[in-house]
Amino acid sequence: MESTKNLILRLESFDDLVIAAAKGRTPYLIARYTQDLAKDFHHFYTFTRVLNADTDVMKARLMLVQATKQTLANAFRLLGISAPEKM
């Protein structure tokens, strides 16, 4: 449960981080954020059943997966980095 909470909090902080990075002209903050988000997602996905949960829980967890994917894509776009759709 802790990994889920950490992931949600990390996702929630993205908008404020982008504003701070823009105001301070410090794009490295976004790069560091993507690394931290990837780490939080890895921990979440390693220790949390996503597809083998109850239907409502599974839907909520899949939305977290989608939100992570979208946030990483947004961060990469801001940094001018292209990322593959699949790995």
N, C-alpha and C. Protein backbone atom coordinates (compact mmCIF):
# COMPACT_ATOMS: atom_id res chain seq x y z
N MET A 1 0.82 -1.20 0.00
CA MET A 1 0.00 0.00 0.00
C MET A 1 0.87 1.26 0.00
N GLU A 2 2.01 1.19 0.65
CA GLU A 2 2.92 2.33 0.71
C GLU A 2 3.40 2.71 -0.70
N SER A 3 3.65 1.70 -1.53
CA SER A 3 4.13 1.99 -2.88
C SER A 3 3.05 2.70 -3.71
N THR A 4 1.80 2.36 -3.48
CA THR A 4 0.70 3.02 -4.18
C THR A 4 0.61 4.48 -3.75
N LYS A 5 0.70 4.71 -2.46
CA LYS A 5 0.64 6.08 -1.93
C LYS A 5 1.80 6.91 -2.48
N ASN A 6 3.00 6.35 -2.48
CA ASN A 6 4.16 7.08 -2.98
C ASN A 6 4.00 7.44 -4.46
N LEU A 7 3.47 6.51 -5.24
CA LEU A 7 3.27 6.77 -6.66
C LEU A 7 2.24 7.89 -6.87
N ILE A 8 1.15 7.83 -6.14
CA ILE A 8 0.11 8.87 -6.26
C ILE A 8 0.68 10.24 -5.88
N LEU A 9 1.41 10.29 -4.79
CA LEU A 9 2.00 11.57 -4.36
C LEU A 9 3.00 12.09 -5.39
N ARG A 10 3.77 11.20 -5.98
CA ARG A 10 4.74 11.62 -7.00
C ARG A 10 4.00 12.18 -8.22
N LEU A 11 2.97 11.49 -8.67
CA LEU A 11 2.20 11.96 -9.82
C LEU A 11 1.56 13.32 -9.53
N GLU A 12 1.07 13.47 -8.33
CA GLU A 12 0.40 14.70 -7.94
C GLU A 12 1.34 15.91 -7.95
N SER A 13 2.61 15.67 -7.74
CA SER A 13 3.57 16.77 -7.62
C SER A 13 4.09 17.28 -8.97
N PHE A 14 3.71 16.65 -10.06
CA PHE A 14 4.29 16.99 -11.36
C PHE A 14 4.03 18.43 -11.78
N ASP A 15 2.79 18.88 -11.67
CA ASP A 15 2.47 20.24 -12.12
C ASP A 15 3.29 21.30 -11.38
N ASP A 16 3.37 21.17 -10.07
CA ASP A 16 4.15 22.14 -9.29
C ASP A 16 5.63 22.08 -9.65
N LEU A 17 6.12 20.88 -9.91
CA LEU A 17 7.52 20.73 -10.28
C LEU A 17 7.81 21.41 -11.62
N VAL A 18 6.92 21.25 -12.57
CA VAL A 18 7.12 21.87 -13.89
C VAL A 18 7.13 23.39 -13.75
N ILE A 19 6.24 23.91 -12.94
CA ILE A 19 6.21 25.37 -12.72
C ILE A 19 7.51 25.83 -12.08
N ALA A 20 7.97 25.11 -11.08
CA ALA A 20 9.23 25.47 -10.41
C ALA A 20 10.41 25.38 -11.37
N ALA A 21 10.43 24.35 -12.19
CA ALA A 21 11.52 24.19 -13.16
C ALA A 21 11.51 25.32 -14.18
N ALA A 22 10.33 25.73 -14.60
CA ALA A 22 10.23 26.82 -15.58
C ALA A 22 10.65 28.15 -14.96
N LYS A 23 10.16 28.41 -13.76
CA LYS A 23 10.50 29.68 -13.10
C LYS A 23 11.99 29.77 -12.79
N GLY A 24 12.57 28.66 -12.37
CA GLY A 24 13.98 28.66 -12.01
C GLY A 24 14.91 28.34 -13.15
N ARG A 25 14.32 28.07 -14.33
CA ARG A 25 15.12 27.68 -15.50
C ARG A 25 16.05 26.52 -15.15
N THR A 26 15.44 25.51 -14.54
CA THR A 26 16.18 24.33 -14.08
C THR A 26 15.53 23.06 -14.62
N PRO A 27 15.73 22.78 -15.91
CA PRO A 27 15.10 21.60 -16.49
C PRO A 27 15.58 20.28 -15.88
N TYR A 28 16.73 20.31 -15.23
CA TYR A 28 17.22 19.08 -14.61
C TYR A 28 16.24 18.56 -13.55
N LEU A 29 15.41 19.46 -12.99
CA LEU A 29 14.41 19.02 -12.02
C LEU A 29 13.42 18.05 -12.66
N ILE A 30 13.08 18.30 -13.91
CA ILE A 30 12.15 17.41 -14.61
C ILE A 30 12.84 16.08 -14.90
N ALA A 31 14.10 16.13 -15.29
CA ALA A 31 14.84 14.89 -15.53
C ALA A 31 14.94 14.05 -14.26
N ARG A 32 15.24 14.69 -13.16
CA ARG A 32 15.32 13.98 -11.88
C ARG A 32 13.95 13.42 -11.49
N TYR A 33 12.90 14.19 -11.74
CA TYR A 33 11.54 13.74 -11.45
C TYR A 33 11.22 12.46 -12.22
N THR A 34 11.58 12.41 -13.51
CA THR A 34 11.27 11.22 -14.30
C THR A 34 11.97 9.99 -13.73
N GLN A 35 13.19 10.17 -13.27
CA GLN A 35 13.91 9.06 -12.66
C GLN A 35 13.21 8.61 -11.37
N ASP A 36 12.81 9.55 -10.55
CA ASP A 36 12.12 9.22 -9.31
C ASP A 36 10.75 8.58 -9.58
N LEU A 37 10.05 9.09 -10.59
CA LEU A 37 8.76 8.51 -10.94
C LEU A 37 8.92 7.08 -11.44
N ALA A 38 9.93 6.85 -12.26
CA ALA A 38 10.19 5.49 -12.75
C ALA A 38 10.51 4.54 -11.59
N LYS A 39 11.27 5.02 -10.64
CA LYS A 39 11.61 4.21 -9.46
C LYS A 39 10.35 3.90 -8.65
N ASP A 40 9.51 4.91 -8.43
CA ASP A 40 8.27 4.70 -7.68
C ASP A 40 7.34 3.73 -8.41
N PHE A 41 7.27 3.88 -9.74
CA PHE A 41 6.41 2.98 -10.50
C PHE A 41 6.93 1.55 -10.45
N HIS A 42 8.23 1.39 -10.57
CA HIS A 42 8.82 0.05 -10.51
C HIS A 42 8.49 -0.61 -9.17
N HIS A 43 8.61 0.13 -8.10
CA HIS A 43 8.30 -0.41 -6.78
C HIS A 43 6.81 -0.77 -6.69
N PHE A 44 5.95 0.11 -7.18
CA PHE A 44 4.51 -0.15 -7.20
C PHE A 44 4.21 -1.42 -7.98
N TYR A 45 4.74 -1.52 -9.19
CA TYR A 45 4.40 -2.64 -10.07
C TYR A 45 4.99 -3.96 -9.56
N THR A 46 6.11 -3.88 -8.87
CA THR A 46 6.74 -5.08 -8.33
C THR A 46 5.93 -5.66 -7.17
N PHE A 47 5.39 -4.80 -6.34
CA PHE A 47 4.76 -5.26 -5.10
C PHE A 47 3.24 -5.15 -5.08
N THR A 48 2.62 -4.73 -6.17
CA THR A 48 1.17 -4.56 -6.20
C THR A 48 0.58 -5.36 -7.36
N ARG A 49 -0.39 -6.17 -7.05
CA ARG A 49 -1.09 -6.91 -8.11
C ARG A 49 -2.00 -5.93 -8.85
N VAL A 50 -1.79 -5.82 -10.13
CA VAL A 50 -2.61 -4.91 -10.92
C VAL A 50 -3.74 -5.67 -11.60
N LEU A 51 -3.42 -6.71 -12.32
CA LEU A 51 -4.43 -7.43 -13.10
C LEU A 51 -5.15 -8.51 -12.32
N ASN A 52 -4.60 -8.98 -11.24
CA ASN A 52 -5.22 -10.06 -10.47
C ASN A 52 -5.96 -9.55 -9.24
N ALA A 53 -6.50 -8.36 -9.33
CA ALA A 53 -7.23 -7.77 -8.20
C ALA A 53 -8.72 -7.77 -8.52
N ASP A 54 -9.53 -7.39 -7.53
CA ASP A 54 -10.96 -7.22 -7.77
C ASP A 54 -11.16 -6.21 -8.89
N THR A 55 -12.29 -6.27 -9.55
CA THR A 55 -12.54 -5.44 -10.73
C THR A 55 -12.34 -3.95 -10.45
N ASP A 56 -12.94 -3.43 -9.38
CA ASP A 56 -12.82 -2.00 -9.09
C ASP A 56 -11.39 -1.63 -8.73
N VAL A 57 -10.73 -2.48 -7.97
CA VAL A 57 -9.34 -2.23 -7.59
C VAL A 57 -8.46 -2.29 -8.84
N MET A 58 -8.71 -3.26 -9.69
CA MET A 58 -7.93 -3.40 -10.92
C MET A 58 -8.09 -2.15 -11.79
N LYS A 59 -9.30 -1.65 -11.92
CA LYS A 59 -9.52 -0.45 -12.72
C LYS A 59 -8.77 0.75 -12.15
N ALA A 60 -8.79 0.89 -10.85
CA ALA A 60 -8.08 2.01 -10.21
C ALA A 60 -6.57 1.88 -10.42
N ARG A 61 -6.06 0.68 -10.29
CA ARG A 61 -4.62 0.47 -10.48
C ARG A 61 -4.21 0.66 -11.93
N LEU A 62 -5.07 0.25 -12.85
CA LEU A 62 -4.77 0.48 -14.27
C LEU A 62 -4.78 1.97 -14.59
N MET A 63 -5.64 2.73 -13.92
CA MET A 63 -5.63 4.18 -14.12
C MET A 63 -4.32 4.78 -13.61
N LEU A 64 -3.78 4.23 -12.52
CA LEU A 64 -2.48 4.69 -12.03
C LEU A 64 -1.37 4.38 -13.04
N VAL A 65 -1.44 3.21 -13.64
CA VAL A 65 -0.47 2.84 -14.68
C VAL A 65 -0.57 3.81 -15.85
N GLN A 66 -1.79 4.09 -16.29
CA GLN A 66 -2.00 5.02 -17.40
C GLN A 66 -1.53 6.43 -17.04
N ALA A 67 -1.82 6.87 -15.83
CA ALA A 67 -1.39 8.21 -15.39
C ALA A 67 0.13 8.31 -15.37
N THR A 68 0.78 7.24 -14.96
CA THR A 68 2.25 7.23 -14.95
C THR A 68 2.79 7.31 -16.37
N LYS A 69 2.21 6.54 -17.26
CA LYS A 69 2.64 6.56 -18.66
C LYS A 69 2.48 7.96 -19.25
N GLN A 70 1.34 8.58 -19.00
CA GLN A 70 1.07 9.91 -19.55
C GLN A 70 2.00 10.96 -18.95
N THR A 71 2.24 10.87 -17.66
CA THR A 71 3.11 11.84 -17.00
C THR A 71 4.55 11.71 -17.50
N LEU A 72 5.02 10.49 -17.67
CA LEU A 72 6.36 10.30 -18.23
C LEU A 72 6.43 10.85 -19.65
N ALA A 73 5.40 10.61 -20.44
CA ALA A 73 5.37 11.13 -21.81
C ALA A 73 5.40 12.66 -21.80
N ASN A 74 4.65 13.27 -20.91
CA ASN A 74 4.64 14.73 -20.81
C ASN A 74 6.01 15.27 -20.40
N ALA A 75 6.63 14.61 -19.44
CA ALA A 75 7.95 15.04 -18.98
C ALA A 75 8.98 14.89 -20.11
N PHE A 76 8.94 13.78 -20.80
CA PHE A 76 9.87 13.57 -21.91
C PHE A 76 9.67 14.63 -23.00
N ARG A 77 8.41 14.94 -23.29
CA ARG A 77 8.12 15.96 -24.30
C ARG A 77 8.71 17.30 -23.89
N LEU A 78 8.55 17.66 -22.62
CA LEU A 78 9.11 18.92 -22.12
C LEU A 78 10.64 18.95 -22.23
N LEU A 79 11.25 17.79 -22.08
CA LEU A 79 12.71 17.69 -22.16
C LEU A 79 13.22 17.48 -23.59
N GLY A 80 12.29 17.31 -24.53
CA GLY A 80 12.69 17.09 -25.92
C GLY A 80 13.20 15.68 -26.18
N ILE A 81 12.72 14.73 -25.38
CA ILE A 81 13.16 13.34 -25.50
C ILE A 81 12.03 12.53 -26.13
N SER A 82 12.37 11.72 -27.13
CA SER A 82 11.37 10.81 -27.68
C SER A 82 11.50 9.47 -26.96
N ALA A 83 10.37 8.85 -26.74
CA ALA A 83 10.36 7.56 -26.05
C ALA A 83 9.57 6.56 -26.88
N PRO A 84 10.01 5.31 -26.89
CA PRO A 84 9.26 4.30 -27.64
C PRO A 84 7.90 4.04 -27.00
N GLU A 85 6.94 3.70 -27.82
CA GLU A 85 5.60 3.38 -27.31
C GLU A 85 5.62 2.07 -26.53
N LYS A 86 6.44 1.12 -27.00
CA LYS A 86 6.53 -0.19 -26.34
C LYS A 86 8.00 -0.52 -26.11
N MET A 87 8.22 -1.30 -25.07
CA MET A 87 9.59 -1.76 -24.81
C MET A 87 9.58 -3.27 -24.68
